[in-house]
Amino acid sequence: MFAQPLAEQQLIRREEIDAAVLKTVATTLMSFGIEQEDRQELRADLQYLRRWRRSVEQAQTYTLKAVITVIATALLAAVWLGLDSALGK
């Protein structure tokens, strides 16, 4: 007897909460200057930024590897020249 009205009340509360959340999100986006129609463009912009961030991180990794390789090569060259000059005399 009480189960049906309780289920209906929960459904109504859930719908009210969903509506409030949607309104809050829309208001927040509008406060940043993002209109309802701009959401697809915003999504594309965020995807572009993510790709850009990943490419920058990848470039940093390659740069670090290159720097380590140059330093290791310079150290090996210095050791080689030191040994060559020590054994050459």
Protein backbone atom coordinates (compact mmCIF):
# COMPACT_ATOMS: atom_id res chain seq x y z
CA MET A 1 0.00 0.00 0.00
CA PHE A 2 2.79 2.45 0.88
CA ALA A 3 5.29 1.07 -1.63
CA GLN A 4 3.72 2.69 -4.68
CA PRO A 5 3.55 6.24 -3.31
CA LEU A 6 7.10 5.89 -1.94
CA ALA A 7 8.42 4.74 -5.32
CA GLU A 8 6.62 7.63 -7.02
CA GLN A 9 8.07 10.09 -4.50
CA GLN A 10 11.58 8.77 -5.12
CA LEU A 11 11.07 9.07 -8.88
CA ILE A 12 9.85 12.65 -8.50
CA ARG A 13 12.79 13.52 -6.25
CA ARG A 14 15.22 11.98 -8.72
CA GLU A 15 13.67 13.98 -11.58
CA GLU A 16 13.88 17.15 -9.50
CA ILE A 17 17.52 16.45 -8.67
CA ASP A 18 18.35 15.75 -12.33
CA ALA A 19 16.66 18.99 -13.38
CA ALA A 20 18.51 20.96 -10.69
CA VAL A 21 21.84 19.46 -11.73
CA LEU A 22 21.24 20.24 -15.40
CA LYS A 23 20.24 23.79 -14.55
CA THR A 24 23.33 24.22 -12.37
CA VAL A 25 25.65 22.89 -15.06
CA ALA A 26 24.03 25.11 -17.70
CA THR A 27 24.30 28.14 -15.41
CA THR A 28 27.94 27.38 -14.64
CA LEU A 29 28.81 26.97 -18.31
CA MET A 30 26.98 30.18 -19.16
CA SER A 31 28.96 32.01 -16.45
CA PHE A 32 32.11 30.99 -18.35
CA GLY A 33 30.60 32.29 -21.57
CA ILE A 34 29.69 28.90 -23.00
CA GLU A 35 26.26 28.80 -24.56
CA GLN A 36 24.09 25.70 -24.93
CA GLU A 37 24.94 25.46 -28.64
CA ASP A 38 28.70 25.67 -27.99
CA ARG A 39 28.94 22.38 -26.08
CA GLN A 40 30.04 20.38 -29.14
CA GLU A 41 32.67 22.97 -29.90
CA LEU A 42 33.80 22.94 -26.27
CA ARG A 43 34.12 19.16 -26.41
CA ALA A 44 36.24 19.43 -29.58
CA ASP A 45 38.41 22.09 -27.93
CA LEU A 46 38.99 19.92 -24.86
CA GLN A 47 39.86 16.93 -27.05
CA TYR A 48 42.33 19.10 -28.96
CA LEU A 49 43.90 20.29 -25.70
CA ARG A 50 44.24 16.69 -24.51
CA ARG A 51 45.97 15.69 -27.76
CA TRP A 52 48.25 18.73 -27.49
CA ARG A 53 49.15 17.91 -23.87
CA ARG A 54 49.97 14.31 -24.79
CA SER A 55 52.15 15.39 -27.71
CA VAL A 56 54.02 17.86 -25.48
CA GLU A 57 54.57 15.14 -22.87
CA GLN A 58 55.86 12.82 -25.60
CA ALA A 59 58.19 15.53 -26.92
CA GLN A 60 59.52 16.09 -23.39
CA THR A 61 60.22 12.37 -23.06
CA TYR A 62 62.08 12.29 -26.39
CA THR A 63 64.02 15.43 -25.44
CA LEU A 64 65.07 13.91 -22.11
CA LYS A 65 66.21 10.74 -23.87
CA ALA A 66 68.19 12.80 -26.40
CA VAL A 67 69.88 14.83 -23.66
CA ILE A 68 70.84 11.69 -21.75
CA THR A 69 72.21 10.16 -24.94
CA VAL A 70 74.31 13.26 -25.68
CA ILE A 71 75.69 13.35 -22.13
CA ALA A 72 76.50 9.63 -22.16
CA THR A 73 78.19 9.97 -25.57
CA ALA A 74 80.25 12.94 -24.35
CA LEU A 75 81.35 11.01 -21.25
CA LEU A 76 82.33 7.98 -23.32
CA ALA A 77 84.24 10.22 -25.73
CA ALA A 78 86.08 11.86 -22.82
CA VAL A 79 86.97 8.47 -21.36
CA TRP A 80 88.12 7.25 -24.77
CA LEU A 81 90.29 10.31 -25.34
CA GLY A 82 91.72 10.00 -21.83
CA LEU A 83 92.61 6.38 -22.33
CA ASP A 84 94.00 7.08 -25.80
CA SER A 85 96.24 9.84 -24.52
CA ALA A 86 97.33 7.82 -21.44
CA LEU A 87 98.19 4.75 -23.47
CA GLY A 88 99.65 6.73 -26.34
CA LYS A 89 102.46 8.20 -24.21
